[in-house]
Amino acid sequence: MKKIALGTALAAFVAGACSPTVRIEAPDKPIEINLNVKIDQEVRVKLDREVEDLIADNPDLF
């Protein structure tokens, strides 16, 4: 009976020694995020053929 109890205790000790440890710690340095973003915008205006003809016929309109 002693051998079974000793074997069970040894198995429990080995199983407990193999459990992983997880630590959550704050970083020593502040977190720095560099965002180098370049935004270009191109606007294109398309006129209908009738509007283009109207502008061509009346250049002083605008």
Protein backbone atom coordinates (compact mmCIF):
# COMPACT_ATOMS: atom_id res chain seq x y z
CA MET A 1 0.00 0.00 0.00
CA LYS A 2 2.94 2.31 0.74
CA LYS A 3 4.31 1.85 -2.78
CA ILE A 4 1.00 2.85 -4.36
CA ALA A 5 0.74 5.94 -2.18
CA LEU A 6 4.37 6.86 -2.87
CA GLY A 7 3.83 6.32 -6.62
CA THR A 8 0.70 8.48 -6.59
CA ALA A 9 2.47 11.25 -4.68
CA LEU A 10 5.42 11.10 -7.09
CA ALA A 11 3.08 11.26 -10.11
CA ALA A 12 1.27 14.26 -8.62
CA PHE A 13 4.59 16.02 -7.99
CA VAL A 14 5.82 15.37 -11.55
CA ALA A 15 2.50 16.54 -13.05
CA GLY A 16 2.60 19.71 -10.94
CA ALA A 17 6.17 20.48 -11.92
CA CYS A 18 5.33 20.41 -15.63
CA SER A 19 2.54 22.98 -15.56
CA PRO A 20 3.33 26.12 -17.62
CA THR A 21 3.45 29.56 -16.03
CA VAL A 22 1.96 32.59 -17.76
CA ARG A 23 3.05 36.07 -16.69
CA ILE A 24 1.47 39.34 -17.76
CA GLU A 25 3.76 42.32 -17.23
CA ALA A 26 3.66 45.92 -18.39
CA PRO A 27 6.54 46.89 -20.71
CA ASP A 28 9.39 49.03 -19.35
CA LYS A 29 9.37 51.37 -22.34
CA PRO A 30 6.29 53.05 -23.84
CA ILE A 31 4.86 51.52 -26.98
CA GLU A 32 5.78 53.57 -30.05
CA ILE A 33 3.88 53.25 -33.32
CA ASN A 34 5.29 54.96 -36.40
CA LEU A 35 2.81 55.54 -39.18
CA ASN A 36 4.33 57.00 -42.31
CA VAL A 37 1.26 57.61 -44.41
CA LYS A 38 1.08 59.60 -47.60
CA ILE A 39 -2.37 60.40 -48.89
CA ASP A 40 -2.79 61.74 -52.41
CA GLN A 41 -6.15 62.66 -53.78
CA GLU A 42 -6.92 63.27 -57.40
CA VAL A 43 -10.27 64.67 -58.42
CA ARG A 44 -11.45 64.25 -61.98
CA VAL A 45 -14.53 65.97 -63.31
CA LYS A 46 -16.16 64.49 -66.37
CA LEU A 47 -18.59 66.61 -68.26
CA ASP A 48 -21.33 65.32 -70.46
CA ARG A 49 -20.90 65.90 -74.15
CA GLU A 50 -23.72 68.47 -74.15
CA VAL A 51 -22.09 70.51 -71.39
CA GLU A 52 -18.75 70.42 -73.20
CA ASP A 53 -20.44 71.68 -76.38
CA LEU A 54 -22.21 74.42 -74.40
CA ILE A 55 -18.93 75.60 -72.91
CA ALA A 56 -17.25 75.47 -76.31
CA ASP A 57 -20.06 77.53 -77.89
CA ASN A 58 -20.05 80.10 -75.01
CA PRO A 59 -16.44 80.60 -73.84
CA ASP A 60 -17.44 83.67 -71.79
CA LEU A 61 -19.94 81.63 -69.77
CA PHE A 62 -17.48 81.10 -66.96
